[in-house]
Amino acid sequence: MLTEEGVEAHAKLLERIQIQRAAVTAGLTDDDYRTLLDLLQRVSANVDAFASTLR
């Protein structure tokens, strides 16, 4: 459980994240955004898999 200070800090951070997310995804539809996240997750998994072969 967060303290009152923690709740306030969380709320401020959430607001900043929402503003930044809106700025960097401007012009994307909800479907575009979901597709983007899916693609980035797949690329990340591929990078992890490739990196594990280098050890």
C-alpha atoms as a PDB file:
ATOM      1  CA  MET A   1       0.000   0.000   0.000  1.00  0.00           C
ATOM      2  CA  LEU A   2       1.316   3.422  -0.941  1.00  0.00           C
ATOM      3  CA  THR A   3       1.676   6.370   1.357  1.00  0.00           C
ATOM      4  CA  GLU A   4      -0.166   9.572   0.492  1.00  0.00           C
ATOM      5  CA  GLU A   5       3.100  10.877  -0.953  1.00  0.00           C
ATOM      6  CA  GLY A   6       3.455   7.696  -2.995  1.00  0.00           C
ATOM      7  CA  VAL A   7      -0.092   7.999  -4.345  1.00  0.00           C
ATOM      8  CA  GLU A   8       0.600  11.592  -5.414  1.00  0.00           C
ATOM      9  CA  ALA A   9       3.899  10.627  -7.052  1.00  0.00           C
ATOM     10  CA  HIS A  10       2.210   7.759  -8.883  1.00  0.00           C
ATOM     11  CA  ALA A  11      -0.563  10.028 -10.162  1.00  0.00           C
ATOM     12  CA  LYS A  12       1.963  12.588 -11.449  1.00  0.00           C
ATOM     13  CA  LEU A  13       4.015   9.899 -13.154  1.00  0.00           C
ATOM     14  CA  LEU A  14       0.938   8.343 -14.757  1.00  0.00           C
ATOM     15  CA  GLU A  15      -0.074  11.742 -16.135  1.00  0.00           C
ATOM     16  CA  ARG A  16       3.411  12.273 -17.632  1.00  0.00           C
ATOM     17  CA  ILE A  17       3.373   8.809 -19.184  1.00  0.00           C
ATOM     18  CA  GLN A  18      -0.036   9.406 -20.743  1.00  0.00           C
ATOM     19  CA  ILE A  19       1.087  12.746 -22.203  1.00  0.00           C
ATOM     20  CA  GLN A  20       4.279  11.226 -23.615  1.00  0.00           C
ATOM     21  CA  ARG A  21       2.456   8.192 -25.027  1.00  0.00           C
ATOM     22  CA  ALA A  22      -0.077  10.446 -26.749  1.00  0.00           C
ATOM     23  CA  ALA A  23       2.741  12.530 -28.251  1.00  0.00           C
ATOM     24  CA  VAL A  24       4.743   9.607 -29.630  1.00  0.00           C
ATOM     25  CA  THR A  25       1.729   7.709 -30.961  1.00  0.00           C
ATOM     26  CA  ALA A  26      -0.032  10.695 -32.534  1.00  0.00           C
ATOM     27  CA  GLY A  27      -1.661   9.657 -35.781  1.00  0.00           C
ATOM     28  CA  LEU A  28      -1.816   5.958 -34.897  1.00  0.00           C
ATOM     29  CA  THR A  29      -5.153   4.230 -34.614  1.00  0.00           C
ATOM     30  CA  ASP A  30      -5.807   1.841 -31.734  1.00  0.00           C
ATOM     31  CA  ASP A  31      -5.207  -1.028 -34.174  1.00  0.00           C
ATOM     32  CA  ASP A  32      -1.928   0.566 -35.317  1.00  0.00           C
ATOM     33  CA  TYR A  33      -0.810   0.865 -31.695  1.00  0.00           C
ATOM     34  CA  ARG A  34      -1.663  -2.764 -30.907  1.00  0.00           C
ATOM     35  CA  THR A  35       0.153  -3.885 -34.062  1.00  0.00           C
ATOM     36  CA  LEU A  36       3.177  -1.791 -33.123  1.00  0.00           C
ATOM     37  CA  LEU A  37       3.337  -3.341 -29.650  1.00  0.00           C
ATOM     38  CA  ASP A  38       2.983  -6.837 -31.095  1.00  0.00           C
ATOM     39  CA  LEU A  39       5.780  -6.225 -33.591  1.00  0.00           C
ATOM     40  CA  LEU A  40       8.083  -4.735 -30.970  1.00  0.00           C
ATOM     41  CA  GLN A  41       7.466  -7.680 -28.644  1.00  0.00           C
ATOM     42  CA  ARG A  42       8.331 -10.112 -31.438  1.00  0.00           C
ATOM     43  CA  VAL A  43      11.473  -8.187 -32.334  1.00  0.00           C
ATOM     44  CA  SER A  44      12.480  -8.152 -28.668  1.00  0.00           C
ATOM     45  CA  ALA A  45      11.961 -11.911 -28.418  1.00  0.00           C
ATOM     46  CA  ASN A  46      14.048 -12.409 -31.564  1.00  0.00           C
ATOM     47  CA  VAL A  47      16.837 -10.260 -30.154  1.00  0.00           C
ATOM     48  CA  ASP A  48      16.774 -12.233 -26.903  1.00  0.00           C
ATOM     49  CA  ALA A  49      16.867 -15.529 -28.799  1.00  0.00           C
ATOM     50  CA  PHE A  50      19.739 -14.388 -30.976  1.00  0.00           C
ATOM     51  CA  ALA A  51      21.678 -13.002 -28.026  1.00  0.00           C
ATOM     52  CA  SER A  52      21.376 -16.332 -26.229  1.00  0.00           C
ATOM     53  CA  THR A  53      23.212 -17.997 -29.136  1.00  0.00           C
ATOM     54  CA  LEU A  54      26.195 -15.720 -28.634  1.00  0.00           C
ATOM     55  CA  ARG A  55      26.962 -16.828 -25.108  1.00  0.00           C
END
